Structure formats: C-alpha cells, structure tokens
Amino acid sequence: QVQLVESGGGLVQPGGSLRLSCEASGFTFITAAMNWYRQAPGKERELVARITNNGGATNYADFVKGRFTISRDNAKNTVYLQMNSLKPEDTAVYYCYADRWGRALGWGQGTQVTVSS
C-alpha cells in the first residue's frame, strides 16, 4: 500500500534552516506529483509547495516563495523541502501528499517543525 514517511522536522531558531524529506513506497513514484502541506494549531491544512512528476515544474504558496524549495529524487523515491529563513509563523506539522492526475494517493503521518528562540 501507499506509504509516505516524512523526516527532518525539529526545533530551529528564527532565521534558521531545515530540510524535510519524504520517502515514498507502494506506488510508481515517477508518475505522481508530490506536495508539501502544513497545518498549524487551530488552522486548516494549507498547501506549501508542489512539484510535478518529473520535477519540471514547481509551485509555491506566496508565504514561502523565495524561502522554501521543493525538489525530488526519482531514483530514491524521495521528495524534499528545503526551508530557509524560517519564521515563527512557519511552526506547523508538515505533511507529504502524493497525487496522480488530481487523484489522491496518500498522506504521510507528518513531521513537526517548531521555529522558536
């Protein structure tokens, strides 16, 4: 079955960096678009970044443009989110999500990112 396993979260000071990873299994990774979402306490889950199946196109939420970069390694079935210049408002649980032609494949369990001094 589809499995998405996130890692790389943690506690970081404002202005710091983290790199999240999401390792996928149970489906043909190269056929799926991959996404990072996040959900802060008391807020709805929101899209952070998206990358097409071959990595040829990416999209970002306005609130992370210029700070976050999504990438993927299809040989490793892994998608990454490089997060720089982190702000306290970036504190959230970050989720990996896979879809194929708009159809959901699955969600990861999430990884906590806390930005605090």
N, C-alpha and C. Protein backbone atom coordinates (compact mmCIF):
# COMPACT_ATOMS: atom_id res chain seq x y z
N GLN A 1 0.84 -1.19 0.00
CA GLN A 1 0.00 0.00 0.00
C GLN A 1 0.88 1.25 0.00
N VAL A 2 0.26 2.38 -0.26
CA VAL A 2 0.99 3.64 -0.31
C VAL A 2 1.52 3.99 1.08
N GLN A 3 2.80 4.29 1.12
CA GLN A 3 3.41 4.78 2.36
C GLN A 3 4.23 6.02 2.05
N LEU A 4 4.05 7.04 2.87
CA LEU A 4 4.83 8.27 2.77
C LEU A 4 5.37 8.56 4.16
N VAL A 5 6.67 8.62 4.28
CA VAL A 5 7.30 8.76 5.59
C VAL A 5 8.15 10.02 5.60
N GLU A 6 7.69 11.01 6.39
CA GLU A 6 8.42 12.27 6.50
C GLU A 6 9.48 12.18 7.59
N SER A 7 10.51 12.99 7.42
CA SER A 7 11.54 13.12 8.43
C SER A 7 12.20 14.48 8.28
N GLY A 8 12.97 14.86 9.29
CA GLY A 8 13.73 16.10 9.21
C GLY A 8 13.19 17.26 10.00
N GLY A 9 12.03 17.09 10.61
CA GLY A 9 11.49 18.17 11.42
C GLY A 9 12.27 18.35 12.70
N GLY A 10 11.93 19.43 13.42
CA GLY A 10 12.61 19.68 14.69
C GLY A 10 12.42 21.10 15.13
N LEU A 11 13.23 21.49 16.11
CA LEU A 11 13.20 22.83 16.67
C LEU A 11 14.35 23.64 16.07
N VAL A 12 14.03 24.83 15.57
CA VAL A 12 15.06 25.68 14.97
C VAL A 12 14.78 27.12 15.35
N GLN A 13 15.83 27.91 15.45
CA GLN A 13 15.66 29.32 15.78
C GLN A 13 15.20 30.11 14.56
N PRO A 14 14.54 31.22 14.79
CA PRO A 14 14.16 32.09 13.65
C PRO A 14 15.37 32.44 12.81
N GLY A 15 15.18 32.38 11.49
CA GLY A 15 16.27 32.62 10.58
C GLY A 15 17.03 31.37 10.19
N GLY A 16 16.76 30.28 10.86
CA GLY A 16 17.46 29.03 10.61
C GLY A 16 16.88 28.26 9.44
N SER A 17 17.45 27.07 9.22
CA SER A 17 17.06 26.22 8.09
C SER A 17 16.80 24.79 8.55
N LEU A 18 15.94 24.13 7.79
CA LEU A 18 15.69 22.70 7.96
C LEU A 18 15.45 22.12 6.58
N ARG A 19 15.74 20.85 6.43
CA ARG A 19 15.37 20.14 5.20
C ARG A 19 14.50 18.94 5.57
N LEU A 20 13.30 18.94 5.06
CA LEU A 20 12.39 17.82 5.25
C LEU A 20 12.55 16.83 4.11
N SER A 21 12.36 15.57 4.43
CA SER A 21 12.37 14.51 3.43
C SER A 21 11.09 13.71 3.54
N CYS A 22 10.67 13.16 2.43
CA CYS A 22 9.51 12.27 2.41
C CYS A 22 9.84 11.11 1.47
N GLU A 23 9.97 9.94 2.06
CA GLU A 23 10.28 8.74 1.28
C GLU A 23 8.98 8.00 0.97
N ALA A 24 8.80 7.69 -0.31
CA ALA A 24 7.56 7.08 -0.77
C ALA A 24 7.76 5.62 -1.15
N SER A 25 6.71 4.85 -0.98
CA SER A 25 6.70 3.45 -1.42
C SER A 25 5.27 3.03 -1.69
N GLY A 26 5.12 1.93 -2.41
CA GLY A 26 3.80 1.38 -2.67
C GLY A 26 3.12 1.90 -3.92
N PHE A 27 3.80 2.76 -4.67
CA PHE A 27 3.27 3.23 -5.94
C PHE A 27 4.45 3.65 -6.82
N THR A 28 4.15 3.87 -8.09
CA THR A 28 5.21 4.25 -9.02
C THR A 28 5.49 5.73 -8.87
N PHE A 29 6.55 6.04 -8.15
CA PHE A 29 6.83 7.41 -7.70
C PHE A 29 6.91 8.40 -8.86
N ILE A 30 7.52 7.99 -9.96
CA ILE A 30 7.77 8.91 -11.06
C ILE A 30 6.48 9.32 -11.75
N THR A 31 5.39 8.65 -11.48
CA THR A 31 4.11 9.02 -12.10
C THR A 31 3.30 9.99 -11.25
N ALA A 32 3.78 10.30 -10.06
CA ALA A 32 2.99 11.10 -9.12
C ALA A 32 3.55 12.50 -8.92
N ALA A 33 2.65 13.46 -8.85
CA ALA A 33 3.04 14.78 -8.35
C ALA A 33 3.15 14.68 -6.83
N MET A 34 4.05 15.48 -6.27
CA MET A 34 4.27 15.44 -4.83
C MET A 34 4.08 16.83 -4.25
N ASN A 35 3.56 16.84 -3.05
CA ASN A 35 3.20 18.10 -2.41
C ASN A 35 3.64 18.11 -0.95
N TRP A 36 3.90 19.30 -0.45
CA TRP A 36 4.05 19.52 0.98
C TRP A 36 2.92 20.43 1.44
N TYR A 37 2.25 20.00 2.49
CA TYR A 37 1.23 20.79 3.16
C TYR A 37 1.70 21.04 4.58
N ARG A 38 1.02 21.97 5.24
CA ARG A 38 1.29 22.17 6.66
C ARG A 38 0.01 22.54 7.38
N GLN A 39 0.01 22.25 8.67
CA GLN A 39 -1.14 22.59 9.49
C GLN A 39 -0.65 23.08 10.85
N ALA A 40 -0.98 24.32 11.13
CA ALA A 40 -0.65 24.91 12.42
C ALA A 40 -1.82 24.69 13.38
N PRO A 41 -1.57 24.73 14.68
CA PRO A 41 -2.64 24.52 15.66
C PRO A 41 -3.79 25.50 15.44
N GLY A 42 -4.99 24.96 15.37
CA GLY A 42 -6.17 25.79 15.21
C GLY A 42 -6.40 26.31 13.81
N LYS A 43 -5.58 25.88 12.87
CA LYS A 43 -5.72 26.35 11.49
C LYS A 43 -5.96 25.19 10.55
N GLU A 44 -6.44 25.52 9.36
CA GLU A 44 -6.67 24.50 8.36
C GLU A 44 -5.33 24.10 7.70
N ARG A 45 -5.33 22.89 7.16
CA ARG A 45 -4.16 22.44 6.42
C ARG A 45 -4.04 23.26 5.13
N GLU A 46 -2.82 23.67 4.82
CA GLU A 46 -2.62 24.50 3.64
C GLU A 46 -1.47 23.99 2.79
N LEU A 47 -1.59 24.20 1.49
CA LEU A 47 -0.54 23.79 0.55
C LEU A 47 0.66 24.71 0.68
N VAL A 48 1.83 24.10 0.76
CA VAL A 48 3.08 24.86 0.84
C VAL A 48 3.79 24.87 -0.51
N ALA A 49 3.93 23.68 -1.10
CA ALA A 49 4.67 23.58 -2.37
C ALA A 49 4.26 22.31 -3.09
N ARG A 50 4.45 22.36 -4.40
CA ARG A 50 4.08 21.22 -5.25
C ARG A 50 5.13 21.07 -6.34
N ILE A 51 5.38 19.81 -6.71
CA ILE A 51 6.32 19.53 -7.80
C ILE A 51 5.72 18.46 -8.69
N THR A 52 5.85 18.66 -10.00
CA THR A 52 5.29 17.69 -10.93
C THR A 52 6.09 16.39 -10.93
N ASN A 53 5.56 15.40 -11.60
CA ASN A 53 6.13 14.06 -11.52
C ASN A 53 7.58 13.99 -11.98
N ASN A 54 7.92 14.78 -13.00
CA ASN A 54 9.29 14.74 -13.50
C ASN A 54 10.15 15.88 -12.95
N GLY A 55 9.58 16.65 -12.03
CA GLY A 55 10.32 17.76 -11.45
C GLY A 55 10.42 18.98 -12.34
N GLY A 56 9.69 18.97 -13.45
CA GLY A 56 9.82 20.05 -14.41
C GLY A 56 9.14 21.34 -14.02
N ALA A 57 8.22 21.26 -13.08
CA ALA A 57 7.52 22.47 -12.65
C ALA A 57 7.26 22.41 -11.16
N THR A 58 7.34 23.58 -10.56
CA THR A 58 7.07 23.70 -9.12
C THR A 58 6.15 24.89 -8.88
N ASN A 59 5.41 24.81 -7.78
CA ASN A 59 4.55 25.91 -7.36
C ASN A 59 4.70 26.10 -5.86
N TYR A 60 4.60 27.36 -5.43
CA TYR A 60 4.77 27.67 -4.02
C TYR A 60 3.66 28.59 -3.55
N ALA A 61 3.30 28.41 -2.29
CA ALA A 61 2.42 29.38 -1.66
C ALA A 61 3.17 30.70 -1.51
N ASP A 62 2.44 31.78 -1.59
CA ASP A 62 3.08 33.10 -1.52
C ASP A 62 3.89 33.26 -0.24
N PHE A 63 3.42 32.67 0.85
CA PHE A 63 4.08 32.90 2.13
C PHE A 63 5.42 32.18 2.27
N VAL A 64 5.80 31.34 1.30
CA VAL A 64 7.10 30.67 1.36
C VAL A 64 7.98 30.97 0.14
N LYS A 65 7.45 31.70 -0.83
CA LYS A 65 8.23 31.99 -2.03
C LYS A 65 9.53 32.70 -1.68
N GLY A 66 10.60 32.20 -2.27
CA GLY A 66 11.91 32.79 -2.03
C GLY A 66 12.61 32.23 -0.81
N ARG A 67 11.89 31.45 0.00
CA ARG A 67 12.49 30.88 1.23
C ARG A 67 12.56 29.36 1.19
N PHE A 68 11.55 28.73 0.60
CA PHE A 68 11.47 27.27 0.56
C PHE A 68 11.71 26.79 -0.87
N THR A 69 12.28 25.58 -0.97
CA THR A 69 12.49 24.96 -2.28
C THR A 69 12.08 23.49 -2.21
N ILE A 70 11.21 23.10 -3.12
CA ILE A 70 10.82 21.69 -3.22
C ILE A 70 11.63 21.04 -4.33
N SER A 71 12.03 19.81 -4.09
CA SER A 71 12.78 19.06 -5.10
C SER A 71 12.48 17.58 -4.92
N ARG A 72 12.88 16.79 -5.90
CA ARG A 72 12.64 15.35 -5.79
C ARG A 72 13.78 14.59 -6.43
N ASP A 73 13.98 13.38 -5.93
CA ASP A 73 14.95 12.46 -6.50
C ASP A 73 14.18 11.19 -6.84
N ASN A 74 13.86 11.03 -8.10
CA ASN A 74 13.03 9.89 -8.51
C ASN A 74 13.77 8.56 -8.38
N ALA A 75 15.07 8.60 -8.36
CA ALA A 75 15.84 7.37 -8.16
C ALA A 75 15.74 6.88 -6.71
N LYS A 76 15.47 7.82 -5.80
CA LYS A 76 15.37 7.47 -4.38
C LYS A 76 13.94 7.51 -3.87
N ASN A 77 12.99 7.75 -4.77
CA ASN A 77 11.57 7.83 -4.36
C ASN A 77 11.38 8.82 -3.21
N THR A 78 12.03 9.94 -3.30
CA THR A 78 12.03 10.89 -2.19
C THR A 78 11.79 12.32 -2.69
N VAL A 79 10.99 13.04 -1.93
CA VAL A 79 10.77 14.46 -2.18
C VAL A 79 11.29 15.23 -0.98
N TYR A 80 11.82 16.41 -1.25
CA TYR A 80 12.45 17.22 -0.21
C TYR A 80 11.78 18.59 -0.13
N LEU A 81 11.92 19.20 1.03
CA LEU A 81 11.53 20.59 1.19
C LEU A 81 12.65 21.29 1.96
N GLN A 82 13.41 22.10 1.26
CA GLN A 82 14.45 22.90 1.90
C GLN A 82 13.82 24.19 2.39
N MET A 83 13.92 24.43 3.68
CA MET A 83 13.28 25.59 4.29
C MET A 83 14.36 26.50 4.88
N ASN A 84 14.46 27.70 4.34
CA ASN A 84 15.44 28.68 4.80
C ASN A 84 14.72 29.89 5.38
N SER A 85 15.45 30.70 6.12
CA SER A 85 14.90 31.93 6.71
C SER A 85 13.59 31.65 7.43
N LEU A 86 13.60 30.63 8.25
CA LEU A 86 12.37 30.22 8.93
C LEU A 86 11.89 31.29 9.90
N LYS A 87 10.57 31.38 10.00
CA LYS A 87 9.91 32.35 10.87
C LYS A 87 9.05 31.59 11.88
N PRO A 88 8.75 32.22 13.00
CA PRO A 88 7.87 31.55 13.98
C PRO A 88 6.53 31.13 13.37
N GLU A 89 6.04 31.89 12.43
CA GLU A 89 4.76 31.54 11.81
C GLU A 89 4.86 30.32 10.89
N ASP A 90 6.06 29.81 10.65
CA ASP A 90 6.21 28.57 9.90
C ASP A 90 6.02 27.34 10.79
N THR A 91 5.87 27.56 12.08
CA THR A 91 5.64 26.45 13.00
C THR A 91 4.36 25.71 12.64
N ALA A 92 4.49 24.41 12.43
CA ALA A 92 3.34 23.60 12.00
C ALA A 92 3.78 22.15 11.88
N VAL A 93 2.81 21.28 11.71
CA VAL A 93 3.11 19.91 11.27
C VAL A 93 3.12 19.93 9.75
N TYR A 94 4.18 19.41 9.18
CA TYR A 94 4.34 19.38 7.72
C TYR A 94 4.05 17.97 7.22
N TYR A 95 3.20 17.92 6.18
CA TYR A 95 2.75 16.65 5.63
C TYR A 95 3.16 16.53 4.16
N CYS A 96 3.50 15.33 3.80
CA CYS A 96 3.76 14.97 2.42
C CYS A 96 2.48 14.37 1.83
N TYR A 97 2.19 14.72 0.58
CA TYR A 97 0.96 14.25 -0.07
C TYR A 97 1.28 13.93 -1.52
N ALA A 98 0.80 12.77 -1.97
CA ALA A 98 1.02 12.34 -3.35
C ALA A 98 -0.29 12.30 -4.11
N ASP A 99 -0.25 12.73 -5.34
CA ASP A 99 -1.43 12.59 -6.20
C ASP A 99 -1.01 12.28 -7.62
N ARG A 100 -1.92 11.67 -8.34
CA ARG A 100 -1.66 11.34 -9.74
C ARG A 100 -2.84 11.84 -10.54
N TRP A 101 -2.57 12.78 -11.40
CA TRP A 101 -3.63 13.39 -12.23
C TRP A 101 -4.80 13.86 -11.40
N GLY A 102 -4.48 14.45 -10.26
CA GLY A 102 -5.51 15.01 -9.38
C GLY A 102 -6.17 14.02 -8.44
N ARG A 103 -5.83 12.76 -8.57
CA ARG A 103 -6.41 11.76 -7.67
C ARG A 103 -5.45 11.48 -6.52
N ALA A 104 -6.00 11.49 -5.32
CA ALA A 104 -5.17 11.30 -4.12
C ALA A 104 -4.60 9.90 -4.06
N LEU A 105 -3.30 9.85 -3.72
CA LEU A 105 -2.66 8.57 -3.47
C LEU A 105 -2.45 8.34 -1.97
N GLY A 106 -2.13 9.40 -1.25
CA GLY A 106 -1.96 9.22 0.18
C GLY A 106 -1.25 10.36 0.86
N TRP A 107 -1.31 10.33 2.18
CA TRP A 107 -0.69 11.33 3.05
C TRP A 107 0.34 10.64 3.95
N GLY A 108 1.35 11.39 4.30
CA GLY A 108 2.27 10.94 5.33
C GLY A 108 1.70 11.24 6.71
N GLN A 109 2.46 10.83 7.71
CA GLN A 109 1.99 11.00 9.09
C GLN A 109 2.32 12.38 9.66
N GLY A 110 3.18 13.10 8.97
CA GLY A 110 3.54 14.46 9.39
C GLY A 110 4.80 14.51 10.21
N THR A 111 5.47 15.65 10.14
CA THR A 111 6.65 15.91 10.95
C THR A 111 6.55 17.32 11.51
N GLN A 112 6.83 17.46 12.79
CA GLN A 112 6.66 18.74 13.47
C GLN A 112 7.85 19.66 13.21
N VAL A 113 7.55 20.88 12.82
CA VAL A 113 8.56 21.93 12.69
C VAL A 113 8.19 23.04 13.66
N THR A 114 9.12 23.38 14.53
CA THR A 114 8.91 24.44 15.50
C THR A 114 10.01 25.48 15.35
N VAL A 115 9.59 26.71 15.11
CA VAL A 115 10.54 27.82 14.95
C VAL A 115 10.38 28.74 16.15
N SER A 116 11.38 28.74 16.99
CA SER A 116 11.29 29.49 18.24
C SER A 116 12.68 29.78 18.77
N SER A 117 12.80 30.91 19.46
CA SER A 117 14.07 31.24 20.10
C SER A 117 14.06 30.79 21.55
